[in-house]
C-alpha atoms as a PDB file:
ATOM      1  CA  MET A   1     -19.253   6.179   4.177  1.00  0.00           C
ATOM      2  CA  THR A   2     -20.731   7.990   1.163  1.00  0.00           C
ATOM      3  CA  ALA A   3     -19.082  10.271  -1.390  1.00  0.00           C
ATOM      4  CA  ARG A   4     -20.284  13.329   0.556  1.00  0.00           C
ATOM      5  CA  ASP A   5     -19.065  12.243   3.986  1.00  0.00           C
ATOM      6  CA  PRO A   6     -15.900  13.883   5.284  1.00  0.00           C
ATOM      7  CA  ILE A   7     -12.796  11.722   5.225  1.00  0.00           C
ATOM      8  CA  PRO A   8     -12.318  10.155   8.668  1.00  0.00           C
ATOM      9  CA  GLU A   9      -9.247  11.393  10.530  1.00  0.00           C
ATOM     10  CA  LYS A  10      -7.790   7.873  10.736  1.00  0.00           C
ATOM     11  CA  PHE A  11      -7.596   7.801   6.908  1.00  0.00           C
ATOM     12  CA  ASN A  12      -5.837  11.177   6.893  1.00  0.00           C
ATOM     13  CA  GLN A  13      -3.323   9.952   9.478  1.00  0.00           C
ATOM     14  CA  LEU A  14      -2.711   6.719   7.594  1.00  0.00           C
ATOM     15  CA  SER A  15      -2.200   8.436   4.247  1.00  0.00           C
ATOM     16  CA  GLY A  16       0.115  10.994   5.869  1.00  0.00           C
ATOM     17  CA  ASN A  17       2.261   8.218   7.365  1.00  0.00           C
ATOM     18  CA  VAL A  18       2.432   6.349   4.054  1.00  0.00           C
ATOM     19  CA  ILE A  19       3.350   9.494   2.100  1.00  0.00           C
ATOM     20  CA  GLN A  20       6.052  10.447   4.615  1.00  0.00           C
ATOM     21  CA  ALA A  21       7.494   6.924   4.428  1.00  0.00           C
ATOM     22  CA  ALA A  22       7.504   6.994   0.612  1.00  0.00           C
ATOM     23  CA  PHE A  23       9.244  10.378   0.562  1.00  0.00           C
ATOM     24  CA  ALA A  24      11.860   9.133   3.028  1.00  0.00           C
ATOM     25  CA  VAL A  25      12.665   6.152   0.793  1.00  0.00           C
ATOM     26  CA  HIS A  26      12.786   8.235  -2.378  1.00  0.00           C
ATOM     27  CA  SER A  27      14.938  10.919  -0.728  1.00  0.00           C
ATOM     28  CA  GLN A  28      17.533   8.370   0.335  1.00  0.00           C
ATOM     29  CA  LEU A  29      17.512   6.060  -2.702  1.00  0.00           C
ATOM     30  CA  GLY A  30      16.489   8.276  -5.613  1.00  0.00           C
ATOM     31  CA  PRO A  31      15.144   6.808  -8.864  1.00  0.00           C
ATOM     32  CA  GLY A  32      16.344   3.895 -10.965  1.00  0.00           C
ATOM     33  CA  LEU A  33      16.465   0.887  -8.641  1.00  0.00           C
ATOM     34  CA  LEU A  34      14.441  -2.305  -8.888  1.00  0.00           C
ATOM     35  CA  GLU A  35      10.904  -2.156  -7.519  1.00  0.00           C
ATOM     36  CA  ARG A  36      11.717  -4.821  -4.903  1.00  0.00           C
ATOM     37  CA  VAL A  37      14.357  -2.538  -3.347  1.00  0.00           C
ATOM     38  CA  TYR A  38      11.792   0.233  -2.864  1.00  0.00           C
ATOM     39  CA  GLN A  39       9.230  -2.243  -1.463  1.00  0.00           C
ATOM     40  CA  THR A  40      11.703  -3.554   1.102  1.00  0.00           C
ATOM     41  CA  CYS A  41      12.777  -0.070   2.216  1.00  0.00           C
ATOM     42  CA  LEU A  42       9.188   1.196   2.288  1.00  0.00           C
ATOM     43  CA  ALA A  43       8.189  -1.749   4.488  1.00  0.00           C
ATOM     44  CA  HIS A  44      10.980  -0.783   6.887  1.00  0.00           C
ATOM     45  CA  GLU A  45       9.797   2.855   6.964  1.00  0.00           C
ATOM     46  CA  LEU A  46       6.173   1.808   7.561  1.00  0.00           C
ATOM     47  CA  ARG A  47       7.224  -0.436  10.458  1.00  0.00           C
ATOM     48  CA  LYS A  48       9.201   2.465  11.962  1.00  0.00           C
ATOM     49  CA  ARG A  49       5.957   4.456  11.934  1.00  0.00           C
ATOM     50  CA  GLY A  50       4.098   1.700  13.786  1.00  0.00           C
ATOM     51  CA  LEU A  51       1.881   0.584  10.889  1.00  0.00           C
ATOM     52  CA  SER A  52       0.756  -3.043  10.787  1.00  0.00           C
ATOM     53  CA  PHE A  53       0.724  -4.691   7.381  1.00  0.00           C
ATOM     54  CA  GLU A  54       1.563  -7.786   5.380  1.00  0.00           C
ATOM     55  CA  GLN A  55       3.431  -8.071   2.118  1.00  0.00           C
ATOM     56  CA  GLU A  56       2.594 -10.223  -0.906  1.00  0.00           C
ATOM     57  CA  VAL A  57      -0.858 -11.297   0.332  1.00  0.00           C
ATOM     58  CA  SER A  58      -2.726 -13.598  -2.061  1.00  0.00           C
ATOM     59  CA  LEU A  59      -5.665 -11.859  -3.731  1.00  0.00           C
ATOM     60  CA  PRO A  60      -8.299 -14.271  -5.109  1.00  0.00           C
ATOM     61  CA  ILE A  61     -10.714 -13.531  -7.928  1.00  0.00           C
ATOM     62  CA  LEU A  62     -14.416 -13.855  -7.113  1.00  0.00           C
ATOM     63  CA  TYR A  63     -16.106 -15.066 -10.283  1.00  0.00           C
ATOM     64  CA  ASP A  64     -19.399 -16.818 -10.908  1.00  0.00           C
ATOM     65  CA  GLY A  65     -19.835 -17.504  -7.208  1.00  0.00           C
ATOM     66  CA  LEU A  66     -16.386 -19.091  -6.969  1.00  0.00           C
ATOM     67  CA  ARG A  67     -13.195 -18.006  -5.268  1.00  0.00           C
ATOM     68  CA  LEU A  68     -10.419 -18.524  -7.839  1.00  0.00           C
ATOM     69  CA  GLU A  69      -6.709 -18.251  -7.151  1.00  0.00           C
ATOM     70  CA  ALA A  70      -5.071 -16.444 -10.082  1.00  0.00           C
ATOM     71  CA  GLY A  71      -1.646 -15.768  -8.606  1.00  0.00           C
ATOM     72  CA  LEU A  72      -2.472 -12.121  -7.848  1.00  0.00           C
ATOM     73  CA  ARG A  73      -0.822 -10.551  -4.825  1.00  0.00           C
ATOM     74  CA  THR A  74      -1.103  -7.215  -3.079  1.00  0.00           C
ATOM     75  CA  GLU A  75       2.188  -5.435  -2.521  1.00  0.00           C
ATOM     76  CA  ILE A  76       1.479  -4.041   0.935  1.00  0.00           C
ATOM     77  CA  SER A  77      -1.845  -4.488   2.686  1.00  0.00           C
ATOM     78  CA  GLY A  78      -3.087  -4.157   6.226  1.00  0.00           C
ATOM     79  CA  THR A  79      -5.727  -2.811   8.566  1.00  0.00           C
ATOM     80  CA  LEU A  80      -5.985   0.822   9.565  1.00  0.00           C
ATOM     81  CA  ALA A  81      -5.413   0.058  13.230  1.00  0.00           C
ATOM     82  CA  SER A  82      -5.558  -2.959  15.498  1.00  0.00           C
ATOM     83  CA  ASP A  83      -8.842  -1.727  16.974  1.00  0.00           C
ATOM     84  CA  SER A  84     -10.445  -0.926  13.605  1.00  0.00           C
ATOM     85  CA  PRO A  85     -13.196  -3.353  12.653  1.00  0.00           C
ATOM     86  CA  GLY A  86     -13.577  -4.354   9.062  1.00  0.00           C
ATOM     87  CA  PRO A  87     -11.630  -6.038   6.322  1.00  0.00           C
ATOM     88  CA  ASP A  88      -8.024  -5.531   5.338  1.00  0.00           C
ATOM     89  CA  VAL A  89      -7.372  -2.751   2.869  1.00  0.00           C
ATOM     90  CA  ASP A  90      -4.883  -2.609   0.027  1.00  0.00           C
ATOM     91  CA  LEU A  91      -2.711   0.292   1.130  1.00  0.00           C
ATOM     92  CA  LEU A  92      -0.565   1.031  -1.854  1.00  0.00           C
ATOM     93  CA  GLU A  93       0.921   0.172  -5.210  1.00  0.00           C
ATOM     94  CA  THR A  94       4.647   0.720  -5.603  1.00  0.00           C
ATOM     95  CA  ASP A  95       5.034   0.026  -9.334  1.00  0.00           C
ATOM     96  CA  PRO A  96       5.432   3.434 -11.049  1.00  0.00           C
ATOM     97  CA  LYS A  97       4.166   2.082 -14.395  1.00  0.00           C
ATOM     98  CA  SER A  98       0.864   0.939 -12.894  1.00  0.00           C
ATOM     99  CA  LEU A  99       0.449   4.436 -11.436  1.00  0.00           C
ATOM    100  CA  GLY A 100       0.992   6.035 -14.838  1.00  0.00           C
ATOM    101  CA  ILE A 101       4.401   7.424 -13.899  1.00  0.00           C
ATOM    102  CA  THR A 102       7.119   7.154 -16.511  1.00  0.00           C
ATOM    103  CA  ASP A 103      10.743   8.216 -16.548  1.00  0.00           C
ATOM    104  CA  GLN A 104      10.932  11.693 -18.085  1.00  0.00           C
ATOM    105  CA  LEU A 105      14.600  11.927 -19.073  1.00  0.00           C
END
Protein backbone atom coordinates (compact mmCIF):
# COMPACT_ATOMS: atom_id res chain seq x y z
CA MET A 1 0.00 0.00 0.00
CA THR A 2 1.37 3.43 -0.96
CA ALA A 3 0.38 6.90 0.23
CA ARG A 4 -1.82 7.33 -2.87
CA ASP A 5 -3.70 4.05 -2.60
CA PRO A 6 -7.25 4.20 -1.27
CA ILE A 7 -7.72 2.96 2.27
CA PRO A 8 -8.89 -0.67 2.16
CA GLU A 9 -12.43 -1.21 3.40
CA LYS A 10 -11.25 -3.58 6.15
CA PHE A 11 -9.28 -0.69 7.71
CA ASN A 12 -12.36 1.54 7.57
CA GLN A 13 -14.47 -1.15 9.25
CA LEU A 14 -11.85 -1.76 11.92
CA SER A 15 -11.41 1.92 12.73
CA GLY A 16 -15.19 2.39 12.84
CA ASN A 17 -15.55 -0.47 15.33
CA VAL A 18 -12.75 0.87 17.52
CA ILE A 19 -14.16 4.41 17.50
CA GLN A 20 -17.66 3.18 18.35
CA ALA A 21 -16.26 1.11 21.22
CA ALA A 22 -14.27 4.07 22.56
CA PHE A 23 -17.33 6.34 22.41
CA ALA A 24 -19.42 3.73 24.23
CA VAL A 25 -16.88 3.55 27.07
CA HIS A 26 -16.53 7.32 27.33
CA SER A 27 -20.30 7.85 27.23
CA GLN A 28 -20.84 5.48 30.14
CA LEU A 29 -17.80 6.32 32.28
CA GLY A 30 -16.99 9.94 31.47
CA PRO A 31 -13.57 11.45 32.22
CA GLY A 32 -11.38 11.22 35.30
CA LEU A 33 -10.86 7.51 35.97
CA LEU A 34 -7.60 5.59 35.90
CA GLU A 35 -6.35 4.53 32.48
CA ARG A 36 -6.60 0.84 33.44
CA VAL A 37 -10.37 1.19 33.96
CA TYR A 38 -10.81 2.53 30.42
CA GLN A 39 -8.55 -0.22 29.00
CA THR A 40 -10.57 -2.95 30.69
CA CYS A 41 -13.92 -1.53 29.54
CA LEU A 42 -12.62 -0.88 26.02
CA ALA A 43 -11.42 -4.49 25.80
CA HIS A 44 -14.93 -5.62 26.75
CA GLU A 45 -16.49 -3.38 24.07
CA LEU A 46 -14.05 -4.62 21.41
CA ARG A 47 -14.84 -8.25 22.27
CA LYS A 48 -18.57 -7.47 21.98
CA ARG A 49 -17.87 -6.27 18.44
CA GLY A 50 -16.09 -9.52 17.55
CA LEU A 51 -12.56 -8.08 17.31
CA SER A 52 -9.64 -10.37 18.13
CA PHE A 53 -6.80 -8.82 20.09
CA GLU A 54 -4.34 -9.25 22.92
CA GLN A 55 -3.51 -6.88 25.73
CA GLU A 56 -0.10 -5.97 27.14
CA VAL A 57 1.92 -7.72 24.40
CA SER A 58 5.69 -7.42 24.81
CA LEU A 59 7.25 -5.11 22.22
CA PRO A 60 11.00 -5.69 21.70
CA ILE A 61 13.47 -3.13 20.41
CA LEU A 62 15.40 -4.07 17.28
CA TYR A 63 18.82 -2.48 17.60
CA ASP A 64 22.15 -3.22 15.98
CA GLY A 65 20.85 -6.51 14.62
CA LEU A 66 19.67 -7.61 18.06
CA ARG A 67 16.23 -8.12 19.54
CA LEU A 68 16.29 -6.39 22.94
CA GLU A 69 13.58 -6.63 25.57
CA ALA A 70 13.09 -3.18 27.11
CA GLY A 71 9.88 -3.77 29.04
CA LEU A 72 7.74 -2.03 26.40
CA ARG A 73 4.20 -3.29 25.93
CA THR A 74 1.40 -2.49 23.52
CA GLU A 75 -1.91 -1.67 25.16
CA ILE A 76 -4.19 -3.45 22.70
CA SER A 77 -2.91 -5.18 19.59
CA GLY A 78 -4.27 -7.71 17.16
CA THR A 79 -4.80 -8.72 13.56
CA LEU A 80 -7.39 -7.16 11.31
CA ALA A 81 -9.22 -10.44 10.81
CA SER A 82 -8.51 -14.12 11.29
CA ASP A 83 -8.12 -14.56 7.53
CA SER A 84 -5.87 -11.51 7.06
CA PRO A 85 -2.27 -12.43 6.31
CA GLY A 86 0.48 -10.33 7.75
CA PRO A 87 1.83 -9.26 11.09
CA ASP A 88 -0.07 -8.07 14.12
CA VAL A 89 -0.82 -4.37 14.24
CA ASP A 90 -0.85 -2.03 17.21
CA LEU A 91 -4.48 -0.94 17.22
CA LEU A 92 -4.59 1.89 19.68
CA GLU A 93 -3.15 3.95 22.49
CA THR A 94 -5.46 4.72 25.39
CA ASP A 95 -3.27 7.14 27.36
CA PRO A 96 -4.66 10.65 26.71
CA LYS A 97 -1.31 12.31 27.51
CA SER A 98 0.52 10.32 24.83
CA LEU A 99 -2.14 11.44 22.35
CA GLY A 100 -1.62 15.09 23.26
CA ILE A 101 -4.96 15.37 25.04
CA THR A 102 -4.99 17.28 28.30
CA ASP A 103 -7.75 18.10 30.75
CA GLN A 104 -9.15 21.52 29.84
CA LEU A 105 -10.92 22.54 33.05
